[in-house]
Protein backbone atom coordinates (compact mmCIF):
# COMPACT_ATOMS: atom_id res chain seq x y z
CA MET A 1 18.88 56.47 10.79
CA GLU A 2 18.45 52.60 12.26
CA ARG A 3 21.24 50.19 11.76
CA GLN A 4 20.51 46.75 10.20
CA SER A 5 21.31 43.51 12.10
CA ALA A 6 24.37 42.20 11.55
CA THR A 7 23.45 38.73 12.09
CA PRO A 8 24.06 36.68 9.13
CA ALA A 9 21.67 35.04 6.83
CA ILE A 10 22.70 31.36 8.27
CA PHE A 11 21.66 32.25 11.41
CA ASP A 12 18.17 33.06 9.91
CA ARG A 13 18.30 29.73 8.39
CA LEU A 14 19.49 27.82 11.76
CA LYS A 15 16.48 29.55 13.47
CA ALA A 16 14.26 28.16 10.90
CA MET A 17 15.42 24.61 12.20
CA ASN A 18 14.54 24.99 16.01
CA THR A 19 11.88 22.52 16.18
CA PRO A 20 12.20 18.89 15.69
CA LYS A 21 9.45 18.90 13.04
CA SER A 22 11.56 21.58 10.89
CA LEU A 23 14.93 19.92 11.03
CA TYR A 24 13.31 16.33 10.76
CA GLY A 25 11.62 17.39 7.49
CA LYS A 26 14.30 19.20 6.06
CA LEU A 27 16.61 16.04 6.56
CA ALA A 28 13.92 13.68 5.31
CA LEU A 29 13.83 15.59 2.03
CA ALA A 30 17.50 16.04 1.79
CA GLU A 31 18.20 12.23 2.43
CA MET A 32 15.24 11.56 -0.45
CA VAL A 33 16.87 13.62 -2.67
CA THR A 34 20.25 12.70 -2.44
CA TRP A 35 19.12 8.89 -3.06
CA ALA A 36 17.88 10.05 -6.47
CA LEU A 37 21.27 11.86 -7.14
CA LEU A 38 22.90 8.52 -5.81
CA LEU A 39 20.77 6.48 -8.39
CA LEU A 40 21.40 9.00 -11.27
CA GLY A 41 25.12 8.61 -10.61
CA LEU A 42 24.58 4.87 -10.74
CA ALA A 43 22.75 4.93 -13.87
CA LEU A 44 25.38 7.11 -15.61
CA LYS A 45 28.12 4.52 -14.30
CA TYR A 46 26.09 1.40 -15.12
CA ILE A 47 23.58 1.97 -17.83
CA PHE A 48 24.72 4.81 -19.83
CA LYS A 49 28.47 4.11 -19.13
CA VAL A 50 29.07 7.94 -19.37
CA THR A 51 31.16 8.17 -16.06
CA GLU A 52 32.13 6.99 -12.30
CA MET A 53 32.59 10.53 -11.03
CA ALA A 54 29.05 11.09 -10.49
CA THR A 55 28.68 7.98 -8.13
CA THR A 56 31.61 9.05 -6.17
CA ILE A 57 30.35 12.62 -5.87
CA PHE A 58 26.80 11.77 -5.30
CA GLY A 59 27.30 8.67 -2.92
CA GLY A 60 29.58 10.96 -0.74
CA ILE A 61 26.69 13.47 -0.56
CA HIS A 62 24.22 10.79 0.00
CA GLY A 63 26.42 8.99 2.88
CA PHE A 64 26.69 12.16 4.62
CA THR A 65 23.27 13.20 4.22
CA PHE A 66 22.46 9.50 5.46
CA LEU A 67 24.50 9.67 8.63
CA CYS A 68 22.93 13.20 9.33
CA TYR A 69 19.48 11.93 9.05
CA VAL A 70 20.25 8.68 11.11
CA ALA A 71 21.79 10.85 13.91
CA THR A 72 18.80 13.25 13.84
CA THR A 73 16.25 10.51 13.96
CA ILE A 74 17.84 9.46 16.89
CA LEU A 75 17.69 12.84 18.46
CA VAL A 76 14.11 13.25 17.61
CA TRP A 77 13.09 9.73 18.82
CA ILE A 78 14.33 10.51 22.44
CA ASN A 79 13.29 14.20 22.55
CA GLN A 80 9.44 12.95 21.19
CA GLY A 81 9.39 9.93 23.17
CA TRP A 82 8.51 7.82 20.11
CA SER A 83 7.76 4.13 21.19
CA ALA A 84 10.74 1.55 20.03
CA GLY A 85 8.98 0.55 16.99
CA ARG A 86 8.50 4.07 15.64
CA GLY A 87 12.30 4.74 16.32
CA VAL A 88 13.51 1.82 14.41
CA ALA A 89 10.88 2.39 11.66
CA GLY A 90 12.56 6.02 11.40
CA LEU A 91 15.97 4.32 11.11
CA ALA A 92 14.65 1.76 8.58
CA SER A 93 13.39 4.44 6.68
CA SER A 94 16.90 5.75 6.07
CA ILE A 95 17.94 2.51 4.33
CA ILE A 96 14.56 2.05 1.89
CA PRO A 97 15.08 4.29 -1.08
CA PHE A 98 12.83 7.50 -0.97
CA MET A 99 11.09 6.33 2.19
CA THR A 100 12.28 9.22 4.79
CA TYR A 101 10.14 11.82 3.58
CA PRO A 102 6.85 9.41 3.44
CA PHE A 103 8.05 8.47 7.01
CA GLU A 104 8.60 12.15 8.17
CA GLN A 105 4.94 13.07 6.63
CA ASN A 106 3.38 10.15 8.55
CA SER A 107 4.72 11.08 11.77
CA LEU A 108 3.83 14.57 10.94
CA LYS A 109 0.23 13.65 10.36
CA ALA A 110 -0.09 11.66 13.65
CA GLY A 111 1.08 14.49 15.50
CA LEU A 112 4.47 13.10 16.36
CA LEU A 113 6.81 15.79 15.71
CA GLU A 114 5.00 18.60 17.62
CA GLY A 115 6.43 20.56 19.86
CA SER A 116 9.92 22.16 20.52
CA TRP A 117 13.17 20.68 21.71
CA ARG A 118 13.04 19.53 25.03
CA PHE A 119 15.35 20.69 27.83
CA THR A 120 15.51 24.08 26.90
CA ASP A 121 14.33 25.04 30.22
CA PRO A 122 16.97 24.19 32.74
CA GLN A 123 14.36 23.20 35.13
CA GLU A 124 13.53 20.30 33.36
CA GLN A 125 15.53 17.29 34.48
CA PRO A 126 16.45 14.45 32.31
CA LYS A 127 15.19 10.86 33.27
CA GLY A 128 17.81 8.30 31.90
CA LEU A 129 20.85 8.24 29.86
CA PHE A 130 19.83 8.96 26.59
CA GLU A 131 17.67 12.03 27.79
CA TRP A 132 20.77 13.32 29.74
CA ILE A 133 22.59 13.24 26.53
CA LEU A 134 20.03 14.93 24.83
CA ALA A 135 19.52 17.50 27.43
CA MET A 136 23.62 18.30 27.01
CA ILE A 137 22.94 18.54 23.19
CA ILE A 138 20.08 20.96 23.67
CA ARG A 139 21.59 23.23 26.37
CA ARG A 140 24.97 23.54 24.35
CA PRO A 141 23.97 23.67 20.77
CA PHE A 142 27.27 25.12 19.32
CA LEU A 143 29.79 22.62 21.06
CA SER A 144 27.30 19.63 20.38
CA ALA A 145 26.78 20.60 16.84
CA MET A 146 30.63 20.55 16.50
CA ALA A 147 31.09 17.37 18.57
CA ILE A 148 28.26 15.64 16.45
CA LEU A 149 29.76 17.09 13.27
CA VAL A 150 33.33 15.59 14.04
CA VAL A 151 31.89 11.73 14.87
CA LEU A 152 29.90 12.16 11.69
CA VAL A 153 33.12 13.15 9.52
CA VAL A 154 35.09 10.34 11.68
CA VAL A 155 32.48 7.82 10.53
CA PHE A 156 32.09 9.20 6.94
CA SER A 157 36.09 9.19 6.88
CA LEU A 158 36.23 5.45 7.68
CA LEU A 159 33.18 4.54 5.31
CA LEU A 160 34.94 6.13 2.64
CA MET A 161 38.41 4.07 3.67
CA ALA A 162 36.16 0.90 3.67
CA GLY A 163 35.10 1.51 0.12
CA PRO A 164 31.56 1.45 -1.62
CA PRO A 165 29.23 -1.11 0.49
CA THR A 166 28.92 -3.24 -2.47
CA GLN A 167 32.46 -4.41 -1.83
CA TRP A 168 32.43 -4.67 1.97
CA PHE A 169 32.09 -8.45 1.88
CA SER A 170 33.75 -9.24 -1.59
């Protein structure tokens, strides 16, 4: 009798995000969906005057997804060798509601998300600081994911302490 793999399903899902195209596409869609949830929360709060809780919950989910999308945009920008204009446009798409997915689709159609993550081959040497950082992230994925997660949680916590963006300059 053949034994089934003990690999948890989560690892199978992670393997599905092993290319810039796959990871970026999933995050672009998630960022767009969380914008919709945030707008729903705002409607429930300000238009229907039902609850403020949805804004708090959906705002937090969107905020964290936004930070993940921005971090991934930077990694993909370096990995794919995007121009400065393309990279800045990718970052700007995270600010404009519902633009992340169209930006990702445009990049996909232009062939700018093709290929795998660079620096998986130890023979490939990074050129410059940004490529060196990318190489460290790619070559040590678990440790890097934990470090990036810690940074995102710290930034997210600081933003939560700062309050809603509408109150930052009041």
